[in-house]
Amino acid sequence: MDLTAENLAAIDDKLSGRHIDLDPAGYFIIYLDREAGLISAKHFTNVIDEQGLAVDPETGKVIPARGKVQRTHTTVFTGRTAKELCIKIFEETQPCPVSLFDHAAYLGREFVRAEVALVTGQEYVQD
């Protein structure tokens, strides 16, 4: 297989469909604040129920994977680069708001994608 952008995107698309366990420490909504030149990541807490679904700890309701949900974030992390954001979340915040290695790796990849979009002016949509 040639290392073309299309082939690499196809590999990533296939891998994005795999099963992943949800992090009991919570989840992040990542977005760009272009005016401020920042990558932002809102952290939300959750509880994982016996079916492996994320549940709002305040209401006990399942948090849907798609669609809009009105919840209050616990923290907003910001950084000018992916590395700066990772240091704030994984090294400077105690306790760390991420408890699974695969979740940490995912966030690192997403922060790099967000940084590239911020620098190039491309659209960023969280995977």
Protein backbone atom coordinates (compact mmCIF):
# COMPACT_ATOMS: atom_id res chain seq x y z
CA MET A 1 0.00 0.00 0.00
CA ASP A 2 1.32 3.43 -0.98
CA LEU A 3 1.61 6.05 1.72
CA THR A 4 -0.79 8.51 0.13
CA ALA A 5 -3.05 10.84 2.07
CA GLU A 6 -6.07 8.86 0.85
CA ASN A 7 -4.62 5.50 1.97
CA LEU A 8 -3.63 6.86 5.36
CA ALA A 9 -7.10 8.39 5.80
CA ALA A 10 -8.66 5.02 4.95
CA ILE A 11 -6.56 3.31 7.65
CA ASP A 12 -7.64 5.92 10.20
CA ASP A 13 -11.30 5.69 9.16
CA LYS A 14 -11.25 1.91 9.61
CA LEU A 15 -9.58 2.17 13.03
CA SER A 16 -12.08 4.84 14.15
CA GLY A 17 -14.83 2.20 13.94
CA ARG A 18 -13.29 -0.09 16.58
CA HIS A 19 -14.77 -0.62 20.05
CA ILE A 20 -13.25 1.45 22.83
CA ASP A 21 -14.07 1.44 26.52
CA LEU A 22 -15.23 4.77 27.89
CA ASP A 23 -13.04 6.49 30.45
CA PRO A 24 -14.67 6.52 33.90
CA ALA A 25 -12.79 9.77 34.61
CA GLY A 26 -14.83 11.59 31.96
CA TYR A 27 -14.67 12.88 28.42
CA PHE A 28 -13.54 15.97 26.53
CA ILE A 29 -15.14 18.19 23.90
CA ILE A 30 -12.32 19.71 21.84
CA TYR A 31 -12.72 22.89 19.80
CA LEU A 32 -10.72 25.81 18.47
CA ASP A 33 -10.89 29.35 19.77
CA ARG A 34 -9.46 30.96 16.64
CA GLU A 35 -9.81 34.51 17.96
CA ALA A 36 -7.61 33.70 20.94
CA GLY A 37 -5.39 31.31 18.95
CA LEU A 38 -6.11 28.43 21.34
CA ILE A 39 -7.03 24.77 21.35
CA SER A 40 -9.72 24.28 24.01
CA ALA A 41 -10.86 21.11 25.71
CA LYS A 42 -13.90 21.06 27.97
CA HIS A 43 -13.81 18.20 30.47
CA PHE A 44 -17.04 16.55 31.62
CA THR A 45 -17.33 13.95 34.36
CA ASN A 46 -19.33 10.77 33.92
CA VAL A 47 -19.98 7.40 35.48
CA ILE A 48 -19.80 4.18 33.46
CA ASP A 49 -22.80 1.91 34.12
CA GLU A 50 -22.90 -1.92 34.05
CA GLN A 51 -23.65 -1.86 30.29
CA GLY A 52 -20.53 0.25 29.66
CA LEU A 53 -22.53 3.41 28.92
CA ALA A 54 -21.57 6.89 30.11
CA VAL A 55 -24.07 8.25 32.62
CA ASP A 56 -24.45 11.80 33.91
CA PRO A 57 -23.46 11.56 37.60
CA GLU A 58 -25.96 14.29 38.54
CA THR A 59 -29.07 12.99 36.73
CA GLY A 60 -28.30 9.28 36.31
CA LYS A 61 -29.29 9.56 32.63
CA VAL A 62 -27.30 7.95 29.83
CA ILE A 63 -25.26 10.48 27.85
CA PRO A 64 -25.97 9.96 24.13
CA ALA A 65 -22.99 9.59 21.80
CA ARG A 66 -24.63 11.72 19.11
CA GLY A 67 -26.60 14.93 19.30
CA LYS A 68 -26.63 17.87 21.65
CA VAL A 69 -26.67 17.43 25.40
CA GLN A 70 -26.90 20.23 27.93
CA ARG A 71 -24.29 19.53 30.58
CA THR A 72 -21.96 21.69 32.61
CA HIS A 73 -18.26 21.04 32.13
CA THR A 74 -15.99 20.66 35.14
CA THR A 75 -12.96 22.39 33.63
CA VAL A 76 -11.80 24.03 30.42
CA PHE A 77 -8.19 23.40 29.45
CA THR A 78 -6.55 25.61 26.82
CA GLY A 79 -3.21 25.64 25.05
CA ARG A 80 -1.50 27.21 22.08
CA THR A 81 -0.07 23.86 21.02
CA ALA A 82 -0.95 20.19 21.45
CA LYS A 83 2.09 19.73 23.69
CA GLU A 84 1.17 22.65 25.94
CA LEU A 85 -2.36 21.30 26.33
CA CYS A 86 -1.13 17.76 27.08
CA ILE A 87 1.26 19.05 29.76
CA LYS A 88 -1.56 21.01 31.43
CA ILE A 89 -3.90 17.99 31.46
CA PHE A 90 -1.55 15.05 32.08
CA GLU A 91 1.28 16.58 34.11
CA GLU A 92 -0.06 19.63 35.93
CA THR A 93 -3.61 18.56 36.87
CA GLN A 94 -4.00 16.39 39.96
CA PRO A 95 -5.81 14.12 39.98
CA CYS A 96 -5.38 13.59 36.25
CA PRO A 97 -8.78 13.81 34.49
CA VAL A 98 -7.84 10.84 32.25
CA SER A 99 -7.60 7.32 33.65
CA LEU A 100 -7.07 5.16 30.53
CA PHE A 101 -3.93 5.07 28.37
CA ASP A 102 -5.94 4.67 25.15
CA HIS A 103 -7.95 7.78 26.06
CA ALA A 104 -4.73 9.72 26.66
CA ALA A 105 -3.34 8.58 23.29
CA TYR A 106 -6.59 9.55 21.56
CA LEU A 107 -6.50 13.02 23.14
CA GLY A 108 -2.90 13.53 22.05
CA ARG A 109 -3.81 12.64 18.46
CA GLU A 110 -6.83 14.94 18.53
CA PHE A 111 -4.83 17.83 19.98
CA VAL A 112 -2.28 17.50 17.17
CA ARG A 113 -5.10 17.48 14.58
CA ALA A 114 -6.58 20.58 16.26
CA GLU A 115 -3.19 22.32 16.28
CA VAL A 116 -2.72 21.67 12.54
CA ALA A 117 -6.20 23.01 11.84
CA LEU A 118 -5.53 26.09 13.96
CA VAL A 119 -2.27 26.86 12.14
CA THR A 120 -3.53 26.11 8.62
CA GLY A 121 -7.01 27.59 8.97
CA GLN A 122 -8.63 24.23 8.18
CA GLU A 123 -11.86 23.13 9.80
CA TYR A 124 -11.46 20.98 12.92
CA VAL A 125 -14.05 18.33 13.77
CA GLN A 126 -13.30 16.03 16.70
CA ASP A 127 -13.14 12.34 15.76
